[in-house]
N, C-alpha and C. Protein backbone atom coordinates (compact mmCIF):
# COMPACT_ATOMS: atom_id res chain seq x y z
N UNK A 1 0.79 -1.24 0.01
CA UNK A 1 0.04 0.02 0.00
C UNK A 1 0.96 1.25 -0.03
N UNK A 2 0.42 2.20 -0.74
CA UNK A 2 1.15 3.42 -0.91
C UNK A 2 0.19 4.71 -0.58
N UNK A 3 0.84 5.57 0.11
CA UNK A 3 0.11 6.98 0.25
C UNK A 3 -0.04 7.80 -1.03
N UNK A 4 -1.12 8.39 -1.25
CA UNK A 4 -1.08 9.39 -2.28
C UNK A 4 -0.57 10.73 -1.81
N UNK A 5 -0.23 10.87 -0.68
CA UNK A 5 0.32 12.10 -0.06
C UNK A 5 1.70 11.73 0.59
N UNK A 6 2.67 12.52 0.47
CA UNK A 6 3.95 12.21 0.94
C UNK A 6 4.01 12.38 2.44
N UNK A 7 4.52 11.32 3.05
CA UNK A 7 4.68 11.43 4.61
C UNK A 7 6.24 11.31 4.93
N UNK A 8 6.68 12.28 5.69
CA UNK A 8 8.10 12.06 6.28
C UNK A 8 7.92 12.05 7.73
N UNK A 9 8.23 11.02 8.42
CA UNK A 9 8.14 10.81 9.88
C UNK A 9 9.40 11.40 10.52
N UNK A 10 9.10 12.20 11.59
CA UNK A 10 10.14 12.73 12.38
C UNK A 10 9.86 12.42 13.88
N UNK A 11 10.91 11.80 14.47
CA UNK A 11 10.62 11.49 15.92
C UNK A 11 12.00 11.36 16.62
N UNK A 12 12.04 11.27 17.91
CA UNK A 12 13.24 11.09 18.72
C UNK A 12 13.48 9.54 18.93
N UNK A 13 12.62 8.71 18.42
CA UNK A 13 12.51 7.22 18.65
C UNK A 13 12.80 6.51 17.43
N UNK A 14 13.88 5.73 17.36
CA UNK A 14 14.21 4.91 16.23
C UNK A 14 13.32 3.67 16.12
N UNK A 15 12.66 3.15 17.20
CA UNK A 15 11.94 1.93 17.14
C UNK A 15 10.71 1.92 16.27
N UNK A 16 10.24 3.09 15.78
CA UNK A 16 9.16 3.21 14.92
C UNK A 16 9.49 3.31 13.46
N UNK A 17 10.69 3.24 13.15
CA UNK A 17 11.17 3.37 11.69
C UNK A 17 10.61 2.34 10.84
N UNK A 18 10.53 1.02 11.26
CA UNK A 18 10.06 -0.05 10.38
C UNK A 18 8.64 0.19 10.24
N UNK A 19 7.89 0.51 11.21
CA UNK A 19 6.43 0.81 10.98
C UNK A 19 6.24 1.98 9.90
N UNK A 20 7.07 2.97 10.03
CA UNK A 20 6.86 4.07 8.99
C UNK A 20 7.08 3.54 7.58
N UNK A 21 8.09 2.69 7.34
CA UNK A 21 8.37 2.27 6.09
C UNK A 21 7.38 1.20 5.60
N UNK A 22 6.82 0.51 6.54
CA UNK A 22 5.83 -0.53 6.13
C UNK A 22 4.60 0.21 5.47
N UNK A 23 4.27 1.44 5.83
CA UNK A 23 3.20 2.20 5.29
C UNK A 23 3.78 3.15 4.19
N UNK A 24 4.91 2.84 3.71
CA UNK A 24 5.59 3.52 2.61
C UNK A 24 5.82 5.00 2.86
N UNK A 25 6.42 5.32 4.01
CA UNK A 25 6.80 6.74 4.27
C UNK A 25 7.97 7.09 3.29
N UNK A 26 7.98 8.23 2.95
CA UNK A 26 9.12 8.77 2.07
C UNK A 26 10.41 8.50 2.87
N UNK A 27 10.43 9.08 4.11
CA UNK A 27 11.72 9.03 4.85
C UNK A 27 11.39 9.01 6.37
N UNK A 28 12.34 8.81 7.26
CA UNK A 28 12.17 8.70 8.68
C UNK A 28 13.32 9.41 9.20
N UNK A 29 13.13 10.63 9.73
CA UNK A 29 14.16 11.45 10.35
C UNK A 29 14.14 11.38 11.92
N UNK A 30 15.44 11.10 12.34
CA UNK A 30 15.53 11.15 13.92
C UNK A 30 15.99 12.50 14.36
N UNK A 31 15.42 12.86 15.49
CA UNK A 31 15.77 14.20 16.07
C UNK A 31 16.94 13.93 16.95
N UNK A 32 17.83 14.87 16.94
CA UNK A 32 17.87 16.13 16.17
C UNK A 32 18.07 15.94 14.64
N UNK A 33 17.38 16.56 13.90
CA UNK A 33 17.43 16.28 12.43
C UNK A 33 18.64 17.07 11.88
N UNK A 34 19.46 16.26 10.97
CA UNK A 34 20.68 16.72 10.43
C UNK A 34 20.31 17.37 9.06
N UNK A 35 21.06 18.46 8.70
CA UNK A 35 20.71 19.26 7.52
C UNK A 35 20.77 18.28 6.28
N UNK A 36 21.84 17.46 6.12
CA UNK A 36 22.07 16.79 5.06
C UNK A 36 20.82 15.64 4.91
N UNK A 37 20.41 15.03 6.07
CA UNK A 37 19.30 14.08 5.93
C UNK A 37 17.94 14.76 5.55
N UNK A 38 17.74 16.07 6.09
CA UNK A 38 16.53 16.87 5.68
C UNK A 38 16.62 17.11 4.21
N UNK A 39 17.78 17.47 3.72
CA UNK A 39 17.89 17.74 2.16
C UNK A 39 17.61 16.53 1.46
N UNK A 40 18.12 15.46 1.92
CA UNK A 40 17.85 14.14 1.19
C UNK A 40 16.30 13.84 1.24
N UNK A 41 15.61 14.06 2.34
CA UNK A 41 14.22 13.67 2.47
C UNK A 41 13.42 14.55 1.44
N UNK A 42 13.87 15.90 1.51
CA UNK A 42 13.15 16.83 0.55
C UNK A 42 13.43 16.30 -0.87
N UNK A 43 14.48 15.91 -1.25
CA UNK A 43 14.78 15.39 -2.52
C UNK A 43 13.87 14.30 -2.93
N UNK A 44 13.73 13.20 -1.95
CA UNK A 44 12.92 12.19 -2.18
C UNK A 44 11.41 12.72 -2.33
N UNK A 45 11.09 13.63 -1.52
CA UNK A 45 9.72 14.26 -1.63
C UNK A 45 9.45 14.69 -3.07
N UNK A 46 10.43 15.41 -3.55
CA UNK A 46 10.21 16.04 -4.96
C UNK A 46 10.22 15.05 -6.08
N UNK A 47 10.82 13.85 -5.73
CA UNK A 47 10.79 12.83 -6.81
C UNK A 47 9.59 11.80 -6.70
N UNK A 48 8.91 11.94 -5.60
CA UNK A 48 7.80 11.04 -5.29
C UNK A 48 6.55 11.28 -6.04
N UNK A 49 5.94 10.25 -6.67
CA UNK A 49 4.66 10.35 -7.42
C UNK A 49 3.95 8.99 -7.23
N UNK A 50 2.76 9.25 -7.07
CA UNK A 50 1.83 8.03 -6.90
C UNK A 50 0.42 8.49 -7.16
N UNK A 51 -0.28 7.40 -7.57
CA UNK A 51 -1.81 7.77 -7.77
C UNK A 51 -2.60 6.82 -6.79
N UNK A 52 -1.96 6.19 -5.85
CA UNK A 52 -2.66 5.41 -4.89
C UNK A 52 -3.54 6.24 -3.92
N UNK A 53 -4.47 5.52 -3.29
CA UNK A 53 -5.34 6.24 -2.31
C UNK A 53 -4.75 6.33 -0.97
N UNK A 54 -4.82 7.52 -0.33
CA UNK A 54 -4.21 7.70 1.01
C UNK A 54 -5.06 6.95 1.98
N UNK A 55 -4.53 6.10 2.91
CA UNK A 55 -5.25 5.45 3.93
C UNK A 55 -4.95 6.07 5.23
N UNK A 56 -5.73 6.91 5.73
CA UNK A 56 -5.49 7.70 6.98
C UNK A 56 -5.51 6.65 8.18
N UNK A 57 -6.33 5.76 8.11
CA UNK A 57 -6.49 4.74 9.31
C UNK A 57 -5.15 4.00 9.34
N UNK A 58 -4.53 3.74 8.27
CA UNK A 58 -3.24 2.95 8.24
C UNK A 58 -2.18 3.82 8.85
N UNK A 59 -2.21 5.10 8.54
CA UNK A 59 -1.32 6.03 9.07
C UNK A 59 -1.45 6.18 10.61
N UNK A 60 -2.73 6.25 11.02
CA UNK A 60 -3.10 6.21 12.47
C UNK A 60 -2.51 5.02 13.11
N UNK A 61 -2.68 3.85 12.58
CA UNK A 61 -2.16 2.60 13.11
C UNK A 61 -0.69 2.59 13.22
N UNK A 62 0.01 3.14 12.25
CA UNK A 62 1.47 3.20 12.22
C UNK A 62 1.98 4.13 13.33
N UNK A 63 1.20 5.18 13.79
CA UNK A 63 1.57 6.07 14.68
C UNK A 63 1.35 5.65 16.21
N UNK A 64 0.57 4.51 16.29
CA UNK A 64 0.19 4.09 17.58
C UNK A 64 1.33 3.62 18.34
N UNK A 65 1.40 3.99 19.78
CA UNK A 65 2.46 3.59 20.56
C UNK A 65 1.64 2.67 21.70
N UNK A 66 2.42 1.83 22.22
CA UNK A 66 1.87 0.87 23.19
C UNK A 66 1.13 1.57 24.44
N UNK A 67 1.69 2.68 25.01
CA UNK A 67 1.09 3.15 26.21
C UNK A 67 0.20 4.38 25.83
N UNK A 68 -0.05 4.74 24.69
CA UNK A 68 -0.78 5.94 24.26
C UNK A 68 -2.20 5.45 23.85
N UNK A 69 -3.21 6.33 24.11
CA UNK A 69 -4.66 5.95 23.71
C UNK A 69 -4.66 5.84 22.13
N UNK A 70 -5.44 4.93 21.70
CA UNK A 70 -5.78 4.81 20.38
C UNK A 70 -6.40 6.14 19.70
N UNK A 71 -6.14 6.42 18.52
CA UNK A 71 -6.71 7.50 17.85
C UNK A 71 -7.47 7.13 16.62
N UNK A 72 -8.40 8.01 16.24
CA UNK A 72 -9.13 7.99 15.02
C UNK A 72 -8.65 9.27 14.23
N UNK A 73 -8.34 8.98 12.80
CA UNK A 73 -8.09 10.17 12.00
C UNK A 73 -9.38 10.35 11.19
N UNK A 74 -9.91 11.47 11.30
CA UNK A 74 -11.29 11.78 10.65
C UNK A 74 -11.10 12.88 9.62
N UNK A 75 -11.30 12.59 8.39
CA UNK A 75 -11.23 13.45 7.19
C UNK A 75 -12.52 14.25 7.14
N UNK A 76 -12.33 15.54 7.24
CA UNK A 76 -13.54 16.38 7.10
C UNK A 76 -13.15 17.50 5.98
N UNK A 77 -13.59 17.21 4.82
CA UNK A 77 -13.22 18.03 3.66
C UNK A 77 -11.63 18.00 3.51
N UNK A 78 -11.00 19.01 3.56
CA UNK A 78 -9.44 19.17 3.30
C UNK A 78 -8.80 19.02 4.69
N UNK A 79 -9.54 19.00 5.87
CA UNK A 79 -8.94 18.92 7.09
C UNK A 79 -8.99 17.54 7.61
N UNK A 80 -8.03 17.17 8.67
CA UNK A 80 -7.98 16.01 9.30
C UNK A 80 -8.06 16.25 10.75
N UNK A 81 -9.07 15.69 11.44
CA UNK A 81 -9.27 15.66 12.84
C UNK A 81 -8.76 14.38 13.57
N UNK A 82 -8.09 14.58 14.66
CA UNK A 82 -7.71 13.47 15.42
C UNK A 82 -8.56 13.43 16.64
N UNK A 83 -9.21 12.23 16.93
CA UNK A 83 -9.98 11.97 17.99
C UNK A 83 -9.49 10.81 18.85
N UNK A 84 -8.98 10.94 20.10
CA UNK A 84 -8.47 9.89 20.84
C UNK A 84 -9.74 9.02 21.23
N UNK A 85 -9.48 7.62 21.32
CA UNK A 85 -10.52 6.87 21.82
C UNK A 85 -11.11 7.15 23.07
N UNK A 86 -10.27 7.66 24.01
CA UNK A 86 -10.74 8.01 25.31
C UNK A 86 -11.63 9.30 25.30
N UNK A 87 -11.63 9.91 24.24
CA UNK A 87 -12.58 11.07 24.10
C UNK A 87 -13.92 10.61 23.63
N UNK A 88 -14.06 9.48 23.04
CA UNK A 88 -15.36 8.95 22.45
C UNK A 88 -16.33 8.65 23.52
N UNK A 89 -17.55 9.19 23.36
CA UNK A 89 -18.58 8.74 24.27
C UNK A 89 -19.30 7.54 23.69
N UNK A 90 -19.58 7.57 22.41
CA UNK A 90 -20.30 6.40 21.76
C UNK A 90 -20.11 6.53 20.35
N UNK A 91 -20.35 5.35 19.62
CA UNK A 91 -20.33 5.36 18.14
C UNK A 91 -21.78 4.80 17.83
N UNK A 92 -22.25 5.22 16.68
CA UNK A 92 -23.58 4.76 16.17
C UNK A 92 -23.60 4.81 14.73
N UNK A 93 -24.58 4.09 14.14
CA UNK A 93 -24.92 3.98 12.72
C UNK A 93 -26.28 4.63 12.45
N UNK A 94 -26.30 5.54 11.41
CA UNK A 94 -27.64 6.21 11.04
C UNK A 94 -27.56 6.35 9.60
N UNK A 95 -28.57 5.95 8.90
CA UNK A 95 -28.62 6.10 7.46
C UNK A 95 -27.39 5.56 6.79
N UNK A 96 -26.95 4.38 7.23
CA UNK A 96 -25.70 3.72 6.63
C UNK A 96 -24.40 4.45 6.90
N UNK A 97 -24.36 5.47 7.77
CA UNK A 97 -23.16 6.20 8.13
C UNK A 97 -22.77 5.95 9.56
N UNK A 98 -21.53 5.72 9.79
CA UNK A 98 -21.07 5.48 11.17
C UNK A 98 -20.60 6.82 11.71
N UNK A 99 -20.96 7.20 12.90
CA UNK A 99 -20.57 8.51 13.61
C UNK A 99 -19.88 8.15 14.93
N UNK A 100 -18.99 9.03 15.33
CA UNK A 100 -18.47 9.00 16.68
C UNK A 100 -18.93 10.35 17.32
N UNK A 101 -19.46 10.32 18.58
CA UNK A 101 -19.78 11.31 19.36
C UNK A 101 -18.80 11.45 20.49
N UNK A 102 -18.21 12.59 20.62
CA UNK A 102 -17.15 12.79 21.66
C UNK A 102 -17.92 13.18 23.07
N UNK A 103 -17.24 13.22 24.02
CA UNK A 103 -17.67 13.54 25.47
C UNK A 103 -18.11 15.05 25.39
N UNK A 104 -17.61 15.89 24.47
CA UNK A 104 -17.98 17.17 24.42
C UNK A 104 -19.06 17.44 23.44
N UNK A 105 -19.79 16.35 23.08
CA UNK A 105 -20.97 16.46 22.17
C UNK A 105 -20.71 16.72 20.78
N UNK A 106 -19.49 16.56 20.26
CA UNK A 106 -19.11 16.82 18.92
C UNK A 106 -19.30 15.46 18.10
N UNK A 107 -19.94 15.57 16.95
CA UNK A 107 -20.23 14.36 16.10
C UNK A 107 -19.42 14.42 14.85
N UNK A 108 -18.78 13.32 14.47
CA UNK A 108 -18.00 13.31 13.30
C UNK A 108 -18.37 11.99 12.54
N UNK A 109 -18.41 12.05 11.24
CA UNK A 109 -18.61 10.83 10.40
C UNK A 109 -17.38 10.12 10.27
N UNK A 110 -17.41 8.71 10.29
CA UNK A 110 -16.42 7.91 10.05
C UNK A 110 -16.38 7.23 8.68
N UNK A 111 -15.27 6.78 8.21
CA UNK A 111 -15.16 6.19 6.87
C UNK A 111 -15.21 4.70 6.97
N UNK A 112 -15.63 4.15 8.18
CA UNK A 112 -15.58 2.65 8.17
C UNK A 112 -16.94 2.30 9.06
N UNK A 113 -17.17 0.89 8.94
CA UNK A 113 -18.35 0.44 9.60
C UNK A 113 -18.18 0.28 11.13
N UNK A 114 -19.34 0.09 11.71
CA UNK A 114 -19.31 -0.24 13.25
C UNK A 114 -18.70 -1.51 13.61
N UNK A 115 -18.59 -2.45 12.69
CA UNK A 115 -17.91 -3.74 12.80
C UNK A 115 -16.38 -3.30 13.05
N UNK A 116 -15.89 -2.51 12.13
CA UNK A 116 -14.58 -2.13 12.16
C UNK A 116 -14.23 -1.30 13.51
N UNK A 117 -15.08 -0.51 13.90
CA UNK A 117 -14.97 0.28 15.12
C UNK A 117 -14.87 -0.70 16.24
N UNK A 118 -15.78 -1.78 16.28
CA UNK A 118 -15.68 -2.74 17.28
C UNK A 118 -14.32 -3.43 17.47
N UNK A 119 -13.57 -3.66 16.29
CA UNK A 119 -12.25 -4.14 16.36
C UNK A 119 -11.32 -3.20 16.92
N UNK A 120 -11.52 -1.89 16.84
CA UNK A 120 -10.58 -0.91 17.28
C UNK A 120 -10.59 -0.55 18.80
N UNK A 121 -11.90 -0.55 19.24
CA UNK A 121 -12.20 -0.03 20.59
C UNK A 121 -11.59 -1.01 21.62
N UNK A 122 -11.30 -0.54 22.81
CA UNK A 122 -10.89 -1.42 24.01
C UNK A 122 -12.19 -2.10 24.61
N UNK A 123 -12.25 -3.27 24.60
CA UNK A 123 -13.45 -4.08 25.03
C UNK A 123 -13.54 -3.87 26.48
N UNK A 124 -12.72 -3.31 27.33
CA UNK A 124 -12.83 -3.05 28.69
C UNK A 124 -13.60 -1.73 28.96
N UNK A 125 -13.49 -0.90 27.97
CA UNK A 125 -14.23 0.46 28.08
C UNK A 125 -15.43 0.64 27.23
N UNK A 126 -15.52 -0.18 26.19
CA UNK A 126 -16.60 0.03 25.15
C UNK A 126 -17.42 -1.34 25.12
N UNK A 127 -18.79 -1.13 24.98
CA UNK A 127 -19.62 -2.28 24.85
C UNK A 127 -20.64 -2.11 23.72
N UNK A 128 -20.76 -3.14 22.89
CA UNK A 128 -21.70 -3.10 21.84
C UNK A 128 -23.05 -3.44 22.43
N UNK A 129 -23.97 -2.45 22.41
CA UNK A 129 -25.31 -2.61 23.07
C UNK A 129 -26.28 -3.24 22.10
N UNK A 130 -26.12 -3.02 20.90
CA UNK A 130 -27.08 -3.50 19.85
C UNK A 130 -26.32 -3.43 18.46
N UNK A 131 -27.13 -3.62 17.39
CA UNK A 131 -26.48 -3.48 16.01
C UNK A 131 -26.19 -2.15 15.63
N UNK A 132 -26.75 -1.17 16.24
CA UNK A 132 -26.37 0.26 15.86
C UNK A 132 -25.51 1.16 16.83
N UNK A 133 -25.19 0.60 17.98
CA UNK A 133 -24.48 1.41 18.98
C UNK A 133 -23.29 0.57 19.65
N UNK A 134 -22.14 1.39 19.89
CA UNK A 134 -21.07 0.89 20.70
C UNK A 134 -20.89 1.99 21.65
N UNK A 135 -20.92 1.76 22.93
CA UNK A 135 -21.05 2.78 23.87
C UNK A 135 -19.79 2.76 24.91
N UNK A 136 -19.23 3.79 25.27
CA UNK A 136 -18.21 3.85 26.23
C UNK A 136 -18.95 3.72 27.53
N UNK A 137 -18.51 2.78 28.41
CA UNK A 137 -19.22 2.52 29.65
C UNK A 137 -19.34 3.74 30.57
N UNK A 138 -18.39 4.58 30.49
CA UNK A 138 -18.29 5.90 31.24
C UNK A 138 -19.45 6.90 30.78
N UNK A 139 -19.95 6.62 29.56
CA UNK A 139 -21.07 7.58 29.01
C UNK A 139 -22.48 7.14 29.50
N UNK A 140 -22.64 6.08 30.24
CA UNK A 140 -23.88 5.75 30.44
C UNK A 140 -24.28 6.50 31.89
N UNK A 141 -25.31 7.37 31.78
CA UNK A 141 -25.69 8.18 32.97
C UNK A 141 -26.74 7.43 33.73
N UNK A 142 -27.70 6.71 33.14
CA UNK A 142 -28.81 5.92 33.80
C UNK A 142 -29.12 4.69 32.99
N UNK A 143 -29.62 3.72 33.72
CA UNK A 143 -30.11 2.48 33.15
C UNK A 143 -31.52 2.29 33.61
N UNK A 144 -32.37 1.90 32.81
CA UNK A 144 -33.82 1.66 33.24
C UNK A 144 -34.27 0.53 32.75
N UNK A 145 -34.97 -0.46 33.62
CA UNK A 145 -35.55 -1.71 33.15
C UNK A 145 -36.71 -1.35 32.24
N UNK A 146 -36.62 -1.89 31.01
CA UNK A 146 -37.66 -1.53 30.03
C UNK A 146 -38.61 -2.73 29.76
N UNK A 147 -38.11 -3.91 29.79
CA UNK A 147 -38.87 -5.18 29.57
C UNK A 147 -37.99 -6.22 30.26
N UNK A 148 -38.42 -7.45 30.21
CA UNK A 148 -37.67 -8.64 30.69
C UNK A 148 -36.32 -8.66 30.08
N UNK A 149 -36.08 -8.35 28.83
CA UNK A 149 -34.88 -8.59 28.13
C UNK A 149 -34.22 -7.17 27.68
N UNK A 150 -34.89 -6.12 28.11
CA UNK A 150 -34.39 -4.89 27.50
C UNK A 150 -34.10 -3.80 28.67
N UNK A 151 -33.08 -2.97 28.38
CA UNK A 151 -32.74 -1.91 29.28
C UNK A 151 -32.67 -0.62 28.48
N UNK A 152 -33.17 0.50 29.08
CA UNK A 152 -33.01 1.80 28.34
C UNK A 152 -31.71 2.41 28.93
N UNK A 153 -30.97 3.06 28.08
CA UNK A 153 -29.80 3.67 28.52
C UNK A 153 -29.95 5.15 28.25
N UNK A 154 -29.61 6.01 29.28
CA UNK A 154 -29.55 7.45 29.03
C UNK A 154 -28.00 7.72 28.93
N UNK A 155 -27.63 8.31 27.84
CA UNK A 155 -26.28 8.56 27.55
C UNK A 155 -25.87 10.04 27.79
N UNK A 156 -24.51 10.17 28.02
CA UNK A 156 -24.00 11.45 28.28
C UNK A 156 -22.85 11.61 27.39
N UNK A 157 -22.83 12.46 26.44
CA UNK A 157 -23.86 13.51 26.10
C UNK A 157 -25.03 12.78 25.53
N UNK A 158 -26.22 13.38 25.69
CA UNK A 158 -27.46 12.76 24.99
C UNK A 158 -27.38 12.64 23.55
N UNK A 159 -27.96 11.62 23.01
CA UNK A 159 -28.00 11.38 21.63
C UNK A 159 -29.21 12.19 21.01
N UNK A 160 -28.90 12.91 20.07
CA UNK A 160 -29.87 13.88 19.53
C UNK A 160 -30.44 13.15 18.10
N UNK A 161 -31.73 13.10 18.04
CA UNK A 161 -32.30 12.60 16.88
C UNK A 161 -32.34 13.48 15.68
N UNK A 162 -32.51 12.98 14.52
CA UNK A 162 -32.57 13.81 13.43
C UNK A 162 -33.47 15.12 13.54
N UNK A 163 -34.35 14.98 14.36
CA UNK A 163 -35.40 16.06 14.66
C UNK A 163 -35.09 16.93 15.83
N UNK A 164 -33.81 16.79 16.39
CA UNK A 164 -33.40 17.65 17.39
C UNK A 164 -33.77 17.24 18.74
N UNK A 165 -34.59 16.13 18.90
CA UNK A 165 -34.97 15.67 20.21
C UNK A 165 -34.03 14.66 20.72
N UNK A 166 -34.20 14.45 22.08
CA UNK A 166 -33.30 13.51 22.70
C UNK A 166 -33.98 12.09 22.70
N UNK A 167 -33.31 11.09 22.43
CA UNK A 167 -33.86 9.80 22.55
C UNK A 167 -32.90 8.75 23.23
N UNK A 168 -33.36 7.71 23.78
CA UNK A 168 -32.51 6.86 24.50
C UNK A 168 -32.50 5.52 23.73
N UNK A 169 -31.41 4.79 23.93
CA UNK A 169 -31.14 3.51 23.11
C UNK A 169 -31.73 2.36 23.99
N UNK A 170 -31.98 1.21 23.21
CA UNK A 170 -32.40 0.11 23.87
C UNK A 170 -31.38 -1.05 23.71
N UNK A 171 -31.27 -1.78 24.67
CA UNK A 171 -30.36 -2.94 24.59
C UNK A 171 -30.78 -4.23 25.16
N UNK A 172 -30.38 -5.33 24.86
CA UNK A 172 -30.76 -6.63 25.39
C UNK A 172 -29.53 -6.88 26.23
N UNK A 173 -29.74 -7.37 27.47
CA UNK A 173 -28.57 -7.87 28.25
C UNK A 173 -28.87 -9.20 28.77
């Protein structure tokens, strides 16, 4: 896989170099950056040409470190937003689009399915409550018995429906 945008990794840690090249980075510069190495990386940048599609999630995966929270790279037009998994209140699907809602009530569309989200999230912190929702356990404000096999969840921040009102989700436990 190749990126359609050039990426030159810079870091003070050499142990991530192999990961950078696995995602076809142009170069990997160790800090402190030497003038000759920077010039060589810029030369590679100028020679670099590709028509492949840029995989932002692959870049995010390459940037992951063992002790750091997982991140989502979200493309919004020409900008890219980084959302740490620990900022996510819940994920849901509506009209075949998957969204993440942050604890600050910001909603962002994702480029992948809820099944893919389920693979990415920490199963100790997130729980798939039904076919349309994955919830951060810390985002459950209240739980109400709804029937013998269902529970109503009140989420924080509240889920807004398409019509502006708040609604609660149902789950089987």
